[in-house]
Amino acid sequence: MSLKKKILMAIAVVAVVAATFLFFAFKKIYTPTTGNRIAGYASPSKALLVIDVQEDFTGITGRQPPLLKNVGAQISTINKIIEKASTSGMQVVYIRQIFSNNYITRRFIGRAI
């Protein structure tokens, strides 16, 4: 077998191993967690759901400039809605996504998707 074929074969093997590793790493990252099903409530009520106001897009952390325009006005509006819901007795629920602190998320994905 020529040297060129050996090099191409080695590159192909490395590519297959890397692709397999990335497949399983991404599968683990994107598989949702499981838990007990939430039971029905006897007297359901309304709630405000605040979903993932990401620091990376708002520029709050200072790691990078804001990716959205008028971030200050948007955050102010969100805070006003939260305050109105709280004073009216409505539950306020905050949802955030937390990535695992591992090499794949730090190196390839970052903290915001």
PDB file of N, CA and C in Angstrom:
ATOM      1  N   MET A   1       0.854  -1.169   0.000  1.00  0.00           N
ATOM      2  CA  MET A   1       0.000   0.000   0.000  1.00  0.00           C
ATOM      3  C   MET A   1       0.904   1.237   0.000  1.00  0.00           C
ATOM      4  N   SER A   2       0.560   2.200  -0.837  1.00  0.00           N
ATOM      5  CA  SER A   2       1.395   3.397  -0.949  1.00  0.00           C
ATOM      6  C   SER A   2       1.198   4.302   0.269  1.00  0.00           C
ATOM      7  N   LEU A   3       2.141   5.210   0.451  1.00  0.00           N
ATOM      8  CA  LEU A   3       2.089   6.147   1.572  1.00  0.00           C
ATOM      9  C   LEU A   3       0.846   7.027   1.488  1.00  0.00           C
ATOM     10  N   LYS A   4       0.495   7.431   0.287  1.00  0.00           N
ATOM     11  CA  LYS A   4      -0.684   8.287   0.095  1.00  0.00           C
ATOM     12  C   LYS A   4      -1.949   7.567   0.560  1.00  0.00           C
ATOM     13  N   LYS A   5      -2.088   6.288   0.222  1.00  0.00           N
ATOM     14  CA  LYS A   5      -3.257   5.511   0.629  1.00  0.00           C
ATOM     15  C   LYS A   5      -3.283   5.317   2.143  1.00  0.00           C
ATOM     16  N   LYS A   6      -2.106   5.107   2.746  1.00  0.00           N
ATOM     17  CA  LYS A   6      -2.040   4.951   4.198  1.00  0.00           C
ATOM     18  C   LYS A   6      -2.477   6.235   4.905  1.00  0.00           C
ATOM     19  N   ILE A   7      -2.019   7.369   4.397  1.00  0.00           N
ATOM     20  CA  ILE A   7      -2.403   8.655   4.990  1.00  0.00           C
ATOM     21  C   ILE A   7      -3.903   8.879   4.846  1.00  0.00           C
ATOM     22  N   LEU A   8      -4.456   8.607   3.675  1.00  0.00           N
ATOM     23  CA  LEU A   8      -5.900   8.769   3.455  1.00  0.00           C
ATOM     24  C   LEU A   8      -6.698   7.828   4.354  1.00  0.00           C
ATOM     25  N   MET A   9      -6.202   6.615   4.539  1.00  0.00           N
ATOM     26  CA  MET A   9      -6.874   5.654   5.416  1.00  0.00           C
ATOM     27  C   MET A   9      -6.849   6.152   6.864  1.00  0.00           C
ATOM     28  N   ALA A  10      -5.711   6.687   7.301  1.00  0.00           N
ATOM     29  CA  ALA A  10      -5.602   7.218   8.661  1.00  0.00           C
ATOM     30  C   ALA A  10      -6.536   8.405   8.859  1.00  0.00           C
ATOM     31  N   ILE A  11      -6.623   9.272   7.888  1.00  0.00           N
ATOM     32  CA  ILE A  11      -7.528  10.427   7.956  1.00  0.00           C
ATOM     33  C   ILE A  11      -8.979   9.956   8.036  1.00  0.00           C
ATOM     34  N   ALA A  12      -9.315   8.947   7.253  1.00  0.00           N
ATOM     35  CA  ALA A  12     -10.681   8.411   7.268  1.00  0.00           C
ATOM     36  C   ALA A  12     -11.017   7.810   8.627  1.00  0.00           C
ATOM     37  N   VAL A  13     -10.093   7.080   9.221  1.00  0.00           N
ATOM     38  CA  VAL A  13     -10.327   6.470  10.538  1.00  0.00           C
ATOM     39  C   VAL A  13     -10.512   7.563  11.595  1.00  0.00           C
ATOM     40  N   VAL A  14      -9.674   8.583  11.577  1.00  0.00           N
ATOM     41  CA  VAL A  14      -9.786   9.685  12.538  1.00  0.00           C
ATOM     42  C   VAL A  14     -11.128  10.397  12.350  1.00  0.00           C
ATOM     43  N   ALA A  15     -11.532  10.603  11.101  1.00  0.00           N
ATOM     44  CA  ALA A  15     -12.802  11.271  10.830  1.00  0.00           C
ATOM     45  C   ALA A  15     -13.984  10.460  11.361  1.00  0.00           C
ATOM     46  N   VAL A  16     -13.947   9.152  11.187  1.00  0.00           N
ATOM     47  CA  VAL A  16     -15.032   8.289  11.682  1.00  0.00           C
ATOM     48  C   VAL A  16     -15.076   8.307  13.210  1.00  0.00           C
ATOM     49  N   VAL A  17     -13.927   8.227  13.846  1.00  0.00           N
ATOM     50  CA  VAL A  17     -13.876   8.270  15.310  1.00  0.00           C
ATOM     51  C   VAL A  17     -14.385   9.621  15.818  1.00  0.00           C
ATOM     52  N   ALA A  18     -13.965  10.711  15.193  1.00  0.00           N
ATOM     53  CA  ALA A  18     -14.403  12.044  15.611  1.00  0.00           C
ATOM     54  C   ALA A  18     -15.902  12.210  15.401  1.00  0.00           C
ATOM     55  N   ALA A  19     -16.414  11.756  14.275  1.00  0.00           N
ATOM     56  CA  ALA A  19     -17.850  11.859  13.996  1.00  0.00           C
ATOM     57  C   ALA A  19     -18.656  11.050  15.015  1.00  0.00           C
ATOM     58  N   THR A  20     -18.179   9.875  15.345  1.00  0.00           N
ATOM     59  CA  THR A  20     -18.868   9.041  16.340  1.00  0.00           C
ATOM     60  C   THR A  20     -18.875   9.723  17.700  1.00  0.00           C
ATOM     61  N   PHE A  21     -17.735  10.267  18.105  1.00  0.00           N
ATOM     62  CA  PHE A  21     -17.646  10.982  19.378  1.00  0.00           C
ATOM     63  C   PHE A  21     -18.605  12.165  19.405  1.00  0.00           C
ATOM     64  N   LEU A  22     -18.603  12.967  18.351  1.00  0.00           N
ATOM     65  CA  LEU A  22     -19.481  14.141  18.296  1.00  0.00           C
ATOM     66  C   LEU A  22     -20.953  13.745  18.294  1.00  0.00           C
ATOM     67  N   PHE A  23     -21.278  12.665  17.604  1.00  0.00           N
ATOM     68  CA  PHE A  23     -22.670  12.202  17.588  1.00  0.00           C
ATOM     69  C   PHE A  23     -23.156  11.912  19.001  1.00  0.00           C
ATOM     70  N   PHE A  24     -22.384  11.126  19.746  1.00  0.00           N
ATOM     71  CA  PHE A  24     -22.808  10.762  21.096  1.00  0.00           C
ATOM     72  C   PHE A  24     -22.752  11.953  22.055  1.00  0.00           C
ATOM     73  N   ALA A  25     -21.788  12.852  21.860  1.00  0.00           N
ATOM     74  CA  ALA A  25     -21.710  14.042  22.711  1.00  0.00           C
ATOM     75  C   ALA A  25     -22.932  14.935  22.481  1.00  0.00           C
ATOM     76  N   PHE A  26     -23.281  15.192  21.229  1.00  0.00           N
ATOM     77  CA  PHE A  26     -24.443  16.032  20.933  1.00  0.00           C
ATOM     78  C   PHE A  26     -25.738  15.347  21.340  1.00  0.00           C
ATOM     79  N   LYS A  27     -25.798  14.038  21.190  1.00  0.00           N
ATOM     80  CA  LYS A  27     -26.996  13.310  21.612  1.00  0.00           C
ATOM     81  C   LYS A  27     -27.211  13.492  23.107  1.00  0.00           C
ATOM     82  N   LYS A  28     -26.136  13.409  23.875  1.00  0.00           N
ATOM     83  CA  LYS A  28     -26.253  13.583  25.329  1.00  0.00           C
ATOM     84  C   LYS A  28     -26.669  15.014  25.670  1.00  0.00           C
ATOM     85  N   ILE A  29     -26.096  15.983  24.994  1.00  0.00           N
ATOM     86  CA  ILE A  29     -26.393  17.386  25.271  1.00  0.00           C
ATOM     87  C   ILE A  29     -27.856  17.708  24.959  1.00  0.00           C
ATOM     88  N   TYR A  30     -28.384  17.188  23.867  1.00  0.00           N
ATOM     89  CA  TYR A  30     -29.723  17.563  23.419  1.00  0.00           C
ATOM     90  C   TYR A  30     -30.826  16.612  23.871  1.00  0.00           C
ATOM     91  N   THR A  31     -30.511  15.612  24.671  1.00  0.00           N
ATOM     92  CA  THR A  31     -31.541  14.724  25.196  1.00  0.00           C
ATOM     93  C   THR A  31     -32.155  15.376  26.431  1.00  0.00           C
ATOM     94  N   PRO A  32     -33.459  15.594  26.418  1.00  0.00           N
ATOM     95  CA  PRO A  32     -34.073  16.248  27.584  1.00  0.00           C
ATOM     96  C   PRO A  32     -34.023  15.354  28.811  1.00  0.00           C
ATOM     97  N   THR A  33     -34.009  16.003  29.958  1.00  0.00           N
ATOM     98  CA  THR A  33     -34.033  15.252  31.204  1.00  0.00           C
ATOM     99  C   THR A  33     -35.444  14.719  31.436  1.00  0.00           C
ATOM    100  N   THR A  34     -35.551  13.745  32.302  1.00  0.00           N
ATOM    101  CA  THR A  34     -36.856  13.182  32.600  1.00  0.00           C
ATOM    102  C   THR A  34     -37.123  13.313  34.085  1.00  0.00           C
ATOM    103  N   GLY A  35     -38.362  13.336  34.414  1.00  0.00           N
ATOM    104  CA  GLY A  35     -38.733  13.435  35.818  1.00  0.00           C
ATOM    105  C   GLY A  35     -40.161  12.949  35.979  1.00  0.00           C
ATOM    106  N   ASN A  36     -40.657  13.058  37.185  1.00  0.00           N
ATOM    107  CA  ASN A  36     -42.032  12.651  37.445  1.00  0.00           C
ATOM    108  C   ASN A  36     -42.997  13.604  36.768  1.00  0.00           C
ATOM    109  N   ARG A  37     -44.083  13.072  36.275  1.00  0.00           N
ATOM    110  CA  ARG A  37     -45.109  13.870  35.639  1.00  0.00           C
ATOM    111  C   ARG A  37     -45.792  14.741  36.696  1.00  0.00           C
ATOM    112  N   ILE A  38     -46.065  15.983  36.321  1.00  0.00           N
ATOM    113  CA  ILE A  38     -46.728  16.895  37.239  1.00  0.00           C
ATOM    114  C   ILE A  38     -48.204  16.529  37.303  1.00  0.00           C
ATOM    115  N   ALA A  39     -48.696  16.346  38.513  1.00  0.00           N
ATOM    116  CA  ALA A  39     -50.101  15.968  38.703  1.00  0.00           C
ATOM    117  C   ALA A  39     -51.003  17.167  38.418  1.00  0.00           C
ATOM    118  N   GLY A  40     -52.276  16.880  38.120  1.00  0.00           N
ATOM    119  CA  GLY A  40     -53.255  17.941  37.912  1.00  0.00           C
ATOM    120  C   GLY A  40     -53.529  18.671  39.216  1.00  0.00           C
ATOM    121  N   TYR A  41     -53.926  19.919  39.103  1.00  0.00           N
ATOM    122  CA  TYR A  41     -54.201  20.737  40.279  1.00  0.00           C
ATOM    123  C   TYR A  41     -55.701  20.850  40.490  1.00  0.00           C
ATOM    124  N   ALA A  42     -56.112  20.830  41.750  1.00  0.00           N
ATOM    125  CA  ALA A  42     -57.533  20.949  42.090  1.00  0.00           C
ATOM    126  C   ALA A  42     -58.053  22.331  41.729  1.00  0.00           C
ATOM    127  N   SER A  43     -57.254  23.348  41.954  1.00  0.00           N
ATOM    128  CA  SER A  43     -57.679  24.717  41.616  1.00  0.00           C
ATOM    129  C   SER A  43     -56.540  25.414  40.870  1.00  0.00           C
ATOM    130  N   PRO A  44     -56.458  25.201  39.566  1.00  0.00           N
ATOM    131  CA  PRO A  44     -55.373  25.809  38.780  1.00  0.00           C
ATOM    132  C   PRO A  44     -55.486  27.333  38.771  1.00  0.00           C
ATOM    133  N   SER A  45     -54.356  27.989  38.626  1.00  0.00           N
ATOM    134  CA  SER A  45     -54.343  29.450  38.554  1.00  0.00           C
ATOM    135  C   SER A  45     -53.392  29.891  37.449  1.00  0.00           C
ATOM    136  N   LYS A  46     -53.478  31.166  37.102  1.00  0.00           N
ATOM    137  CA  LYS A  46     -52.619  31.709  36.057  1.00  0.00           C
ATOM    138  C   LYS A  46     -51.241  32.007  36.613  1.00  0.00           C
ATOM    139  N   ALA A  47     -50.261  31.967  35.722  1.00  0.00           N
ATOM    140  CA  ALA A  47     -48.895  32.300  36.106  1.00  0.00           C
ATOM    141  C   ALA A  47     -48.212  32.981  34.928  1.00  0.00           C
ATOM    142  N   LEU A  48     -47.247  33.827  35.233  1.00  0.00           N
ATOM    143  CA  LEU A  48     -46.405  34.433  34.211  1.00  0.00           C
ATOM    144  C   LEU A  48     -45.155  33.570  34.087  1.00  0.00           C
ATOM    145  N   LEU A  49     -44.852  33.161  32.889  1.00  0.00           N
ATOM    146  CA  LEU A  49     -43.691  32.311  32.632  1.00  0.00           C
ATOM    147  C   LEU A  49     -42.630  33.151  31.933  1.00  0.00           C
ATOM    148  N   VAL A  50     -41.505  33.367  32.597  1.00  0.00           N
ATOM    149  CA  VAL A  50     -40.391  34.124  32.031  1.00  0.00           C
ATOM    150  C   VAL A  50     -39.377  33.103  31.555  1.00  0.00           C
ATOM    151  N   ILE A  51     -39.195  33.045  30.231  1.00  0.00           N
ATOM    152  CA  ILE A  51     -38.382  31.981  29.648  1.00  0.00           C
ATOM    153  C   ILE A  51     -37.017  32.507  29.212  1.00  0.00           C
ATOM    154  N   ASP A  52     -35.977  32.048  29.874  1.00  0.00           N
ATOM    155  CA  ASP A  52     -34.586  32.137  29.434  1.00  0.00           C
ATOM    156  C   ASP A  52     -34.185  33.480  28.839  1.00  0.00           C
ATOM    157  N   VAL A  53     -34.177  34.527  29.643  1.00  0.00           N
ATOM    158  CA  VAL A  53     -33.655  35.816  29.194  1.00  0.00           C
ATOM    159  C   VAL A  53     -32.135  35.691  29.267  1.00  0.00           C
ATOM    160  N   GLN A  54     -31.522  35.373  28.144  1.00  0.00           N
ATOM    161  CA  GLN A  54     -30.117  34.957  28.141  1.00  0.00           C
ATOM    162  C   GLN A  54     -29.154  36.126  28.289  1.00  0.00           C
ATOM    163  N   GLU A  55     -28.259  35.962  29.257  1.00  0.00           N
ATOM    164  CA  GLU A  55     -27.253  36.984  29.517  1.00  0.00           C
ATOM    165  C   GLU A  55     -26.351  37.220  28.307  1.00  0.00           C
ATOM    166  N   ASP A  56     -26.069  36.177  27.547  1.00  0.00           N
ATOM    167  CA  ASP A  56     -25.187  36.333  26.392  1.00  0.00           C
ATOM    168  C   ASP A  56     -25.796  37.245  25.330  1.00  0.00           C
ATOM    169  N   PHE A  57     -27.115  37.296  25.226  1.00  0.00           N
ATOM    170  CA  PHE A  57     -27.754  38.140  24.226  1.00  0.00           C
ATOM    171  C   PHE A  57     -28.046  39.542  24.737  1.00  0.00           C
ATOM    172  N   THR A  58     -28.162  39.696  26.051  1.00  0.00           N
ATOM    173  CA  THR A  58     -28.483  41.003  26.615  1.00  0.00           C
ATOM    174  C   THR A  58     -27.243  41.801  26.967  1.00  0.00           C
ATOM    175  N   GLY A  59     -26.082  41.171  27.008  1.00  0.00           N
ATOM    176  CA  GLY A  59     -24.842  41.870  27.328  1.00  0.00           C
ATOM    177  C   GLY A  59     -24.664  42.120  28.813  1.00  0.00           C
ATOM    178  N   ILE A  60     -25.480  41.504  29.653  1.00  0.00           N
ATOM    179  CA  ILE A  60     -25.431  41.730  31.098  1.00  0.00           C
ATOM    180  C   ILE A  60     -24.083  41.296  31.683  1.00  0.00           C
ATOM    181  N   THR A  61     -23.553  40.195  31.191  1.00  0.00           N
ATOM    182  CA  THR A  61     -22.321  39.659  31.771  1.00  0.00           C
ATOM    183  C   THR A  61     -21.094  40.467  31.378  1.00  0.00           C
ATOM    184  N   GLY A  62     -21.187  41.228  30.299  1.00  0.00           N
ATOM    185  CA  GLY A  62     -20.043  42.001  29.840  1.00  0.00           C
ATOM    186  C   GLY A  62     -19.032  41.194  29.054  1.00  0.00           C
ATOM    187  N   ARG A  63     -19.324  39.909  28.826  1.00  0.00           N
ATOM    188  CA  ARG A  63     -18.400  39.070  28.051  1.00  0.00           C
ATOM    189  C   ARG A  63     -18.407  39.454  26.579  1.00  0.00           C
ATOM    190  N   GLN A  64     -19.525  39.971  26.122  1.00  0.00           N
ATOM    191  CA  GLN A  64     -19.642  40.388  24.730  1.00  0.00           C
ATOM    192  C   GLN A  64     -20.709  41.472  24.658  1.00  0.00           C
ATOM    193  N   PRO A  65     -20.692  42.284  23.589  1.00  0.00           N
ATOM    194  CA  PRO A  65     -21.732  43.315  23.466  1.00  0.00           C
ATOM    195  C   PRO A  65     -23.091  42.661  23.218  1.00  0.00           C
ATOM    196  N   PRO A  66     -24.185  43.361  23.552  1.00  0.00           N
ATOM    197  CA  PRO A  66     -25.516  42.778  23.342  1.00  0.00           C
ATOM    198  C   PRO A  66     -25.743  42.447  21.869  1.00  0.00           C
ATOM    199  N   LEU A  67     -26.385  41.319  21.624  1.00  0.00           N
ATOM    200  CA  LEU A  67     -26.694  40.910  20.256  1.00  0.00           C
ATOM    201  C   LEU A  67     -28.043  41.466  19.785  1.00  0.00           C
ATOM    202  N   LEU A  68     -28.842  41.965  20.713  1.00  0.00           N
ATOM    203  CA  LEU A  68     -30.152  42.505  20.374  1.00  0.00           C
ATOM    204  C   LEU A  68     -30.141  44.017  20.522  1.00  0.00           C
ATOM    205  N   LYS A  69     -31.045  44.685  19.807  1.00  0.00           N
ATOM    206  CA  LYS A  69     -31.156  46.140  19.905  1.00  0.00           C
ATOM    207  C   LYS A  69     -32.108  46.499  21.039  1.00  0.00           C
ATOM    208  N   ASN A  70     -31.913  47.676  21.618  1.00  0.00           N
ATOM    209  CA  ASN A  70     -32.783  48.195  22.668  1.00  0.00           C
ATOM    210  C   ASN A  70     -32.926  47.225  23.839  1.00  0.00           C
ATOM    211  N   VAL A  71     -31.831  46.609  24.238  1.00  0.00           N
ATOM    212  CA  VAL A  71     -31.872  45.618  25.310  1.00  0.00           C
ATOM    213  C   VAL A  71     -32.391  46.227  26.607  1.00  0.00           C
ATOM    214  N   GLY A  72     -31.950  47.441  26.904  1.00  0.00           N
ATOM    215  CA  GLY A  72     -32.385  48.100  28.132  1.00  0.00           C
ATOM    216  C   GLY A  72     -33.895  48.270  28.177  1.00  0.00           C
ATOM    217  N   ALA A  73     -34.478  48.690  27.067  1.00  0.00           N
ATOM    218  CA  ALA A  73     -35.935  48.866  27.003  1.00  0.00           C
ATOM    219  C   ALA A  73     -36.650  47.522  27.118  1.00  0.00           C
ATOM    220  N   GLN A  74     -36.100  46.497  26.496  1.00  0.00           N
ATOM    221  CA  GLN A  74     -36.725  45.171  26.567  1.00  0.00           C
ATOM    222  C   GLN A  74     -36.687  44.621  27.988  1.00  0.00           C
ATOM    223  N   ILE A  75     -35.558  44.760  28.663  1.00  0.00           N
ATOM    224  CA  ILE A  75     -35.455  44.273  30.042  1.00  0.00           C
ATOM    225  C   ILE A  75     -36.374  45.083  30.953  1.00  0.00           C
ATOM    226  N   SER A  76     -36.455  46.380  30.718  1.00  0.00           N
ATOM    227  CA  SER A  76     -37.361  47.225  31.501  1.00  0.00           C
ATOM    228  C   SER A  76     -38.807  46.769  31.332  1.00  0.00           C
ATOM    229  N   THR A  77     -39.195  46.463  30.104  1.00  0.00           N
ATOM    230  CA  THR A  77     -40.557  45.985  29.838  1.00  0.00           C
ATOM    231  C   THR A  77     -40.806  44.652  30.527  1.00  0.00           C
ATOM    232  N   ILE A  78     -39.847  43.757  30.450  1.00  0.00           N
ATOM    233  CA  ILE A  78     -39.978  42.456  31.123  1.00  0.00           C
ATOM    234  C   ILE A  78     -40.150  42.665  32.629  1.00  0.00           C
ATOM    235  N   ASN A  79     -39.339  43.542  33.207  1.00  0.00           N
ATOM    236  CA  ASN A  79     -39.425  43.797  34.651  1.00  0.00           C
ATOM    237  C   ASN A  79     -40.767  44.414  35.034  1.00  0.00           C
ATOM    238  N   LYS A  80     -41.312  45.307  34.197  1.00  0.00           N
ATOM    239  CA  LYS A  80     -42.627  45.903  34.472  1.00  0.00           C
ATOM    240  C   LYS A  80     -43.721  44.840  34.450  1.00  0.00           C
ATOM    241  N   ILE A  81     -43.649  43.944  33.483  1.00  0.00           N
ATOM    242  CA  ILE A  81     -44.649  42.869  33.387  1.00  0.00           C
ATOM    243  C   ILE A  81     -44.549  41.954  34.602  1.00  0.00           C
ATOM    244  N   ILE A  82     -43.324  41.642  35.015  1.00  0.00           N
ATOM    245  CA  ILE A  82     -43.115  40.805  36.204  1.00  0.00           C
ATOM    246  C   ILE A  82     -43.685  41.495  37.439  1.00  0.00           C
ATOM    247  N   GLU A  83     -43.411  42.785  37.581  1.00  0.00           N
ATOM    248  CA  GLU A  83     -43.917  43.534  38.745  1.00  0.00           C
ATOM    249  C   GLU A  83     -45.444  43.564  38.757  1.00  0.00           C
ATOM    250  N   LYS A  84     -46.050  43.808  37.586  1.00  0.00           N
ATOM    251  CA  LYS A  84     -47.519  43.843  37.494  1.00  0.00           C
ATOM    252  C   LYS A  84     -48.112  42.478  37.864  1.00  0.00           C
ATOM    253  N   ALA A  85     -47.503  41.412  37.366  1.00  0.00           N
ATOM    254  CA  ALA A  85     -47.992  40.071  37.685  1.00  0.00           C
ATOM    255  C   ALA A  85     -47.847  39.783  39.172  1.00  0.00           C
ATOM    256  N   SER A  86     -46.718  40.158  39.751  1.00  0.00           N
ATOM    257  CA  SER A  86     -46.478  39.905  41.181  1.00  0.00           C
ATOM    258  C   SER A  86     -47.479  40.653  42.057  1.00  0.00           C
ATOM    259  N   THR A  87     -47.714  41.933  41.748  1.00  0.00           N
ATOM    260  CA  THR A  87     -48.623  42.727  42.575  1.00  0.00           C
ATOM    261  C   THR A  87     -50.078  42.284  42.418  1.00  0.00           C
ATOM    262  N   SER A  88     -50.396  41.647  41.301  1.00  0.00           N
ATOM    263  CA  SER A  88     -51.773  41.174  41.110  1.00  0.00           C
ATOM    264  C   SER A  88     -51.986  39.786  41.731  1.00  0.00           C
ATOM    265  N   GLY A  89     -50.929  39.237  42.354  1.00  0.00           N
ATOM    266  CA  GLY A  89     -51.048  37.938  43.005  1.00  0.00           C
ATOM    267  C   GLY A  89     -50.758  36.753  42.099  1.00  0.00           C
ATOM    268  N   MET A  90     -50.358  37.042  40.883  1.00  0.00           N
ATOM    269  CA  MET A  90     -50.053  35.968  39.938  1.00  0.00           C
ATOM    270  C   MET A  90     -48.683  35.365  40.271  1.00  0.00           C
ATOM    271  N   GLN A  91     -48.572  34.065  40.118  1.00  0.00           N
ATOM    272  CA  GLN A  91     -47.277  33.402  40.300  1.00  0.00           C
ATOM    273  C   GLN A  91     -46.356  33.802  39.149  1.00  0.00           C
ATOM    274  N   VAL A  92     -45.069  33.999  39.440  1.00  0.00           N
ATOM    275  CA  VAL A  92     -44.070  34.274  38.406  1.00  0.00           C
ATOM    276  C   VAL A  92     -43.093  33.109  38.425  1.00  0.00           C
ATOM    277  N   VAL A  93     -42.937  32.469  37.273  1.00  0.00           N
ATOM    278  CA  VAL A  93     -42.073  31.295  37.155  1.00  0.00           C
ATOM    279  C   VAL A  93     -40.950  31.631  36.179  1.00  0.00           C
ATOM    280  N   TYR A  94     -39.722  31.405  36.602  1.00  0.00           N
ATOM    281  CA  TYR A  94     -38.564  31.676  35.761  1.00  0.00           C
ATOM    282  C   TYR A  94     -37.996  30.352  35.263  1.00  0.00           C
ATOM    283  N   ILE A  95     -37.768  30.282  33.960  1.00  0.00           N
ATOM    284  CA  ILE A  95     -37.182  29.090  33.342  1.00  0.00           C
ATOM    285  C   ILE A  95     -35.835  29.502  32.766  1.00  0.00           C
ATOM    286  N   ARG A  96     -34.822  28.715  33.057  1.00  0.00           N
ATOM    287  CA  ARG A  96     -33.527  28.977  32.442  1.00  0.00           C
ATOM    288  C   ARG A  96     -32.884  27.657  32.061  1.00  0.00           C
ATOM    289  N   GLN A  97     -32.041  27.745  31.057  1.00  0.00           N
ATOM    290  CA  GLN A  97     -31.341  26.559  30.582  1.00  0.00           C
ATOM    291  C   GLN A  97     -29.912  26.637  31.077  1.00  0.00           C
ATOM    292  N   ILE A  98     -29.462  25.568  31.693  1.00  0.00           N
ATOM    293  CA  ILE A  98     -28.102  25.510  32.199  1.00  0.00           C
ATOM    294  C   ILE A  98     -27.386  24.363  31.484  1.00  0.00           C
ATOM    295  N   PHE A  99     -26.289  24.699  30.837  1.00  0.00           N
ATOM    296  CA  PHE A  99     -25.518  23.684  30.134  1.00  0.00           C
ATOM    297  C   PHE A  99     -24.530  23.026  31.079  1.00  0.00           C
ATOM    298  N   SER A 100     -24.226  21.783  30.809  1.00  0.00           N
ATOM    299  CA  SER A 100     -23.194  21.077  31.561  1.00  0.00           C
ATOM    300  C   SER A 100     -21.865  21.795  31.361  1.00  0.00           C
ATOM    301  N   ASN A 101     -21.065  21.821  32.381  1.00  0.00           N
ATOM    302  CA  ASN A 101     -19.752  22.440  32.277  1.00  0.00           C
ATOM    303  C   ASN A 101     -18.765  21.374  31.835  1.00  0.00           C
ATOM    304  N   ASN A 102     -18.797  21.071  30.525  1.00  0.00           N
ATOM    305  CA  ASN A 102     -17.867  20.081  29.999  1.00  0.00           C
ATOM    306  C   ASN A 102     -17.159  20.640  28.772  1.00  0.00           C
ATOM    307  N   TYR A 103     -16.202  19.925  28.288  1.00  0.00           N
ATOM    308  CA  TYR A 103     -15.360  20.404  27.189  1.00  0.00           C
ATOM    309  C   TYR A 103     -16.173  20.733  25.946  1.00  0.00           C
ATOM    310  N   ILE A 104     -17.124  19.900  25.592  1.00  0.00           N
ATOM    311  CA  ILE A 104     -17.899  20.102  24.365  1.00  0.00           C
ATOM    312  C   ILE A 104     -18.679  21.410  24.430  1.00  0.00           C
ATOM    313  N   THR A 105     -19.401  21.650  25.518  1.00  0.00           N
ATOM    314  CA  THR A 105     -20.194  22.879  25.592  1.00  0.00           C
ATOM    315  C   THR A 105     -19.306  24.114  25.692  1.00  0.00           C
ATOM    316  N   ARG A 106     -18.192  24.025  26.391  1.00  0.00           N
ATOM    317  CA  ARG A 106     -17.299  25.188  26.497  1.00  0.00           C
ATOM    318  C   ARG A 106     -16.626  25.483  25.162  1.00  0.00           C
ATOM    319  N   ARG A 107     -16.190  24.460  24.466  1.00  0.00           N
ATOM    320  CA  ARG A 107     -15.377  24.646  23.272  1.00  0.00           C
ATOM    321  C   ARG A 107     -16.200  24.882  22.014  1.00  0.00           C
ATOM    322  N   PHE A 108     -17.235  24.085  21.809  1.00  0.00           N
ATOM    323  CA  PHE A 108     -17.933  24.116  20.533  1.00  0.00           C
ATOM    324  C   PHE A 108     -19.268  24.829  20.566  1.00  0.00           C
ATOM    325  N   ILE A 109     -19.956  24.782  21.683  1.00  0.00           N
ATOM    326  CA  ILE A 109     -21.313  25.324  21.722  1.00  0.00           C
ATOM    327  C   ILE A 109     -21.338  26.667  22.421  1.00  0.00           C
ATOM    328  N   GLY A 110     -20.567  26.840  23.444  1.00  0.00           N
ATOM    329  CA  GLY A 110     -20.642  28.058  24.213  1.00  0.00           C
ATOM    330  C   GLY A 110     -21.780  27.947  25.204  1.00  0.00           C
ATOM    331  N   ARG A 111     -22.258  29.052  25.658  1.00  0.00           N
ATOM    332  CA  ARG A 111     -23.303  29.053  26.666  1.00  0.00           C
ATOM    333  C   ARG A 111     -24.652  29.438  26.085  1.00  0.00           C
ATOM    334  N   ALA A 112     -24.684  30.002  24.913  1.00  0.00           N
ATOM    335  CA  ALA A 112     -25.961  30.418  24.322  1.00  0.00           C
ATOM    336  C   ALA A 112     -26.141  29.752  22.978  1.00  0.00           C
ATOM    337  N   ILE A 113     -27.325  29.235  22.782  1.00  0.00           N
ATOM    338  CA  ILE A 113     -27.643  28.612  21.484  1.00  0.00           C
ATOM    339  C   ILE A 113     -28.843  29.336  20.930  1.00  0.00           C
TER     340      ILE A 113
END
